[in-house]
C-alpha atoms as a PDB file:
ATOM      1  CA  MET A   1       0.000   0.000   0.000  1.00  0.00           C
ATOM      2  CA  ASN A   2       1.355   3.401  -0.980  1.00  0.00           C
ATOM      3  CA  ASN A   3       0.879   5.791   1.947  1.00  0.00           C
ATOM      4  CA  ASN A   4       1.961   8.708  -0.269  1.00  0.00           C
ATOM      5  CA  ASN A   5      -1.178   8.352  -2.394  1.00  0.00           C
ATOM      6  CA  PRO A   6      -3.268  11.512  -1.722  1.00  0.00           C
ATOM      7  CA  ASN A   7      -6.530   9.669  -2.415  1.00  0.00           C
ATOM      8  CA  GLN A   8      -5.648   6.947   0.088  1.00  0.00           C
ATOM      9  CA  ASN A   9      -4.659   9.533   2.712  1.00  0.00           C
ATOM     10  CA  GLU A  10      -7.929  11.392   2.169  1.00  0.00           C
ATOM     11  CA  GLU A  11      -9.865   8.138   2.461  1.00  0.00           C
ATOM     12  CA  ASN A  12      -8.019   7.274   5.688  1.00  0.00           C
ATOM     13  CA  ASP A  13      -8.872  10.722   7.070  1.00  0.00           C
ATOM     14  CA  ARG A  14     -12.543  10.244   6.205  1.00  0.00           C
ATOM     15  CA  TYR A  15     -12.583   6.844   7.846  1.00  0.00           C
ATOM     16  CA  SER A  16     -10.972   8.284  10.988  1.00  0.00           C
ATOM     17  CA  VAL A  17     -13.750  10.878  11.192  1.00  0.00           C
ATOM     18  CA  TYR A  18     -16.405   8.172  10.685  1.00  0.00           C
ATOM     19  CA  GLU A  19     -14.736   5.970  13.282  1.00  0.00           C
ATOM     20  CA  GLU A  20     -14.767   8.756  15.876  1.00  0.00           C
ATOM     21  CA  TYR A  21     -18.431   9.582  15.246  1.00  0.00           C
ATOM     22  CA  ALA A  22     -19.400   5.904  15.392  1.00  0.00           C
ATOM     23  CA  LYS A  23     -17.570   5.465  18.692  1.00  0.00           C
ATOM     24  CA  THR A  24     -19.200   8.580  20.158  1.00  0.00           C
ATOM     25  CA  LEU A  25     -22.687   7.568  19.015  1.00  0.00           C
ATOM     26  CA  ARG A  26     -22.296   4.059  20.415  1.00  0.00           C
ATOM     27  CA  THR A  27     -21.073   5.461  23.746  1.00  0.00           C
ATOM     28  CA  TRP A  28     -24.079   7.781  23.962  1.00  0.00           C
ATOM     29  CA  PHE A  29     -26.487   4.987  23.039  1.00  0.00           C
ATOM     30  CA  VAL A  30     -25.120   2.615  25.671  1.00  0.00           C
ATOM     31  CA  ALA A  31     -24.961   5.333  28.345  1.00  0.00           C
ATOM     32  CA  TYR A  32     -28.562   6.374  27.653  1.00  0.00           C
ATOM     33  CA  GLY A  33     -29.787   2.800  27.335  1.00  0.00           C
ATOM     34  CA  ILE A  34     -28.360   1.869  30.725  1.00  0.00           C
ATOM     35  CA  GLY A  35     -28.673   5.241  32.455  1.00  0.00           C
ATOM     36  CA  PHE A  36     -32.334   5.946  31.754  1.00  0.00           C
ATOM     37  CA  PRO A  37     -33.660   2.709  33.325  1.00  0.00           C
ATOM     38  CA  ALA A  38     -31.111   3.028  36.154  1.00  0.00           C
ATOM     39  CA  VAL A  39     -32.499   6.442  37.077  1.00  0.00           C
ATOM     40  CA  ILE A  40     -36.066   5.107  37.016  1.00  0.00           C
ATOM     41  CA  LEU A  41     -35.187   2.085  39.127  1.00  0.00           C
ATOM     42  CA  SER A  42     -33.056   3.989  41.633  1.00  0.00           C
ATOM     43  CA  ARG A  43     -35.408   6.895  42.407  1.00  0.00           C
ATOM     44  CA  LYS A  44     -38.345   5.749  44.540  1.00  0.00           C
ATOM     45  CA  GLU A  45     -40.762   8.458  43.383  1.00  0.00           C
ATOM     46  CA  LEU A  46     -40.021   7.668  39.727  1.00  0.00           C
ATOM     47  CA  PHE A  47     -40.129   3.930  40.269  1.00  0.00           C
ATOM     48  CA  ASP A  48     -43.523   4.205  41.999  1.00  0.00           C
ATOM     49  CA  SER A  49     -44.911   6.165  39.026  1.00  0.00           C
ATOM     50  CA  PHE A  50     -43.573   3.676  36.518  1.00  0.00           C
ATOM     51  CA  LYS A  51     -44.382   0.406  38.281  1.00  0.00           C
ATOM     52  CA  GLU A  52     -48.104   1.190  38.184  1.00  0.00           C
ATOM     53  CA  SER A  53     -48.035   1.691  34.424  1.00  0.00           C
ATOM     54  CA  SER A  54     -48.934  -1.139  32.088  1.00  0.00           C
ATOM     55  CA  ASP A  55     -46.030   0.061  29.885  1.00  0.00           C
ATOM     56  CA  PHE A  56     -43.334  -0.300  32.565  1.00  0.00           C
ATOM     57  CA  LYS A  57     -42.009  -3.675  31.366  1.00  0.00           C
ATOM     58  CA  LEU A  58     -42.162  -2.549  27.735  1.00  0.00           C
ATOM     59  CA  ILE A  59     -40.167   0.601  28.528  1.00  0.00           C
ATOM     60  CA  ILE A  60     -37.428  -1.373  30.283  1.00  0.00           C
ATOM     61  CA  LEU A  61     -37.437  -3.928  27.444  1.00  0.00           C
ATOM     62  CA  LEU A  62     -37.076  -1.193  24.803  1.00  0.00           C
ATOM     63  CA  PHE A  63     -34.004   0.192  26.559  1.00  0.00           C
ATOM     64  CA  LEU A  64     -32.499  -3.268  27.047  1.00  0.00           C
ATOM     65  CA  ILE A  65     -33.049  -4.111  23.367  1.00  0.00           C
ATOM     66  CA  GLY A  66     -31.379  -0.885  22.231  1.00  0.00           C
ATOM     67  CA  THR A  67     -28.413  -1.443  24.520  1.00  0.00           C
ATOM     68  CA  ALA A  68     -28.103  -5.110  23.516  1.00  0.00           C
ATOM     69  CA  LEU A  69     -28.071  -4.146  19.826  1.00  0.00           C
ATOM     70  CA  GLN A  70     -25.162  -1.781  20.442  1.00  0.00           C
ATOM     71  CA  ILE A  71     -23.239  -4.489  22.281  1.00  0.00           C
ATOM     72  CA  ILE A  72     -23.899  -6.908  19.406  1.00  0.00           C
ATOM     73  CA  ILE A  73     -22.684  -4.352  16.838  1.00  0.00           C
ATOM     74  CA  SER A  74     -19.542  -3.736  18.894  1.00  0.00           C
ATOM     75  CA  PHE A  75     -18.867  -7.451  19.228  1.00  0.00           C
ATOM     76  CA  LEU A  76     -19.345  -8.119  15.509  1.00  0.00           C
ATOM     77  CA  ASN A  77     -17.159  -5.175  14.506  1.00  0.00           C
ATOM     78  CA  LYS A  78     -14.444  -6.231  16.942  1.00  0.00           C
ATOM     79  CA  TRP A  79     -14.598  -9.823  15.689  1.00  0.00           C
ATOM     80  CA  ALA A  80     -14.383  -8.751  12.039  1.00  0.00           C
ATOM     81  CA  ALA A  81     -11.495  -6.363  12.696  1.00  0.00           C
ATOM     82  CA  TRP A  82      -9.568  -8.983  14.662  1.00  0.00           C
ATOM     83  CA  ILE A  83     -10.076 -11.696  12.028  1.00  0.00           C
ATOM     84  CA  ARG A  84      -9.093  -9.365   9.199  1.00  0.00           C
ATOM     85  CA  HIS A  85      -5.982  -8.134  11.017  1.00  0.00           C
ATOM     86  CA  ASN A  86      -4.866 -11.534  12.288  1.00  0.00           C
ATOM     87  CA  TYR A  87      -5.466 -13.425   9.059  1.00  0.00           C
ATOM     88  CA  PHE A  88      -4.098 -10.637   6.852  1.00  0.00           C
ATOM     89  CA  SER A  89      -0.869 -10.441   8.860  1.00  0.00           C
ATOM     90  CA  ARG A  90      -0.442 -14.201   8.417  1.00  0.00           C
ATOM     91  CA  GLY A  91      -1.233 -14.119   4.701  1.00  0.00           C
ATOM     92  CA  ARG A  92      -4.423 -16.150   5.151  1.00  0.00           C
ATOM     93  CA  GLN A  93      -6.844 -14.002   3.148  1.00  0.00           C
ATOM     94  CA  ASP A  94      -8.084 -17.069   1.261  1.00  0.00           C
ATOM     95  CA  THR A  95      -9.843 -18.576   4.311  1.00  0.00           C
ATOM     96  CA  SER A  96     -13.617 -18.486   4.686  1.00  0.00           C
ATOM     97  CA  SER A  97     -13.305 -16.720   8.066  1.00  0.00           C
ATOM     98  CA  TYR A  98     -11.337 -13.895   6.484  1.00  0.00           C
ATOM     99  CA  LYS A  99     -13.755 -13.614   3.563  1.00  0.00           C
ATOM    100  CA  ILE A 100     -16.768 -13.449   5.898  1.00  0.00           C
ATOM    101  CA  ALA A 101     -15.071 -10.877   8.137  1.00  0.00           C
ATOM    102  CA  ASP A 102     -14.006  -8.843   5.114  1.00  0.00           C
ATOM    103  CA  TRP A 103     -17.523  -8.962   3.677  1.00  0.00           C
ATOM    104  CA  TYR A 104     -19.060  -7.945   7.021  1.00  0.00           C
ATOM    105  CA  SER A 105     -16.588  -5.074   7.417  1.00  0.00           C
ATOM    106  CA  ASN A 106     -17.850  -3.591   4.164  1.00  0.00           C
ATOM    107  CA  GLN A 107     -21.542  -3.854   5.098  1.00  0.00           C
ATOM    108  CA  TYR A 108     -22.052  -0.505   6.814  1.00  0.00           C
ATOM    109  CA  GLY A 109     -25.792  -0.921   6.262  1.00  0.00           C
ATOM    110  CA  ILE A 110     -25.914  -3.484   9.073  1.00  0.00           C
ATOM    111  CA  ASP A 111     -24.574  -0.919  11.555  1.00  0.00           C
ATOM    112  CA  VAL A 112     -26.896   1.790  10.247  1.00  0.00           C
ATOM    113  CA  PHE A 113     -29.938  -0.502  10.415  1.00  0.00           C
ATOM    114  CA  LEU A 114     -29.212  -1.593  13.992  1.00  0.00           C
ATOM    115  CA  GLU A 115     -28.480   1.998  15.030  1.00  0.00           C
ATOM    116  CA  VAL A 116     -31.831   3.128  13.603  1.00  0.00           C
ATOM    117  CA  ILE A 117     -33.571   0.312  15.510  1.00  0.00           C
ATOM    118  CA  THR A 118     -31.711   1.389  18.665  1.00  0.00           C
ATOM    119  CA  PHE A 119     -32.744   5.009  18.161  1.00  0.00           C
ATOM    120  CA  LEU A 120     -36.388   4.080  17.543  1.00  0.00           C
ATOM    121  CA  SER A 121     -36.395   1.766  20.551  1.00  0.00           C
ATOM    122  CA  PHE A 122     -35.020   4.500  22.808  1.00  0.00           C
ATOM    123  CA  ALA A 123     -37.292   7.158  21.302  1.00  0.00           C
ATOM    124  CA  TYR A 124     -40.416   5.069  21.856  1.00  0.00           C
ATOM    125  CA  GLY A 125     -39.326   4.123  25.391  1.00  0.00           C
ATOM    126  CA  THR A 126     -38.677   7.788  26.142  1.00  0.00           C
ATOM    127  CA  TYR A 127     -42.058   8.794  24.699  1.00  0.00           C
ATOM    128  CA  LEU A 128     -43.885   6.202  26.823  1.00  0.00           C
ATOM    129  CA  SER A 129     -41.942   7.418  29.858  1.00  0.00           C
ATOM    130  CA  TYR A 130     -42.912  11.003  29.104  1.00  0.00           C
ATOM    131  CA  LEU A 131     -46.578   9.986  29.018  1.00  0.00           C
ATOM    132  CA  ILE A 132     -46.223   8.397  32.460  1.00  0.00           C
ATOM    133  CA  LEU A 133     -44.468  11.437  33.903  1.00  0.00           C
ATOM    134  CA  ILE A 134     -47.014  13.991  32.696  1.00  0.00           C
ATOM    135  CA  LYS A 135     -49.984  12.164  34.274  1.00  0.00           C
END
């Protein structure tokens, strides 16, 4: 690989920006997905309001689903990166594991889809919570 190639350097810079945004978004998702239910469960006056609602279990489930999706994305991305690095450094790009990891690494749509599901899950859980709090 020629590191003096301006197009490659520009592409690396773009990927670095994407990588930073992806990391930040995932951190916010996980913090919100864990923090929101933790606040509800740890504050007696909030917990009492929520436990009487028929939506309480759904709200907690929505936040757990969103958080679990982010953990799954992180695991898959870590797995793919490790396989690609390890197999590439050993010259084993012809293995099925490498080909699957390489294919997955180029499927940004999977991340986007799961992030949209996470966002919608959190948004709906937040909306249901808002309805409980304004009663």
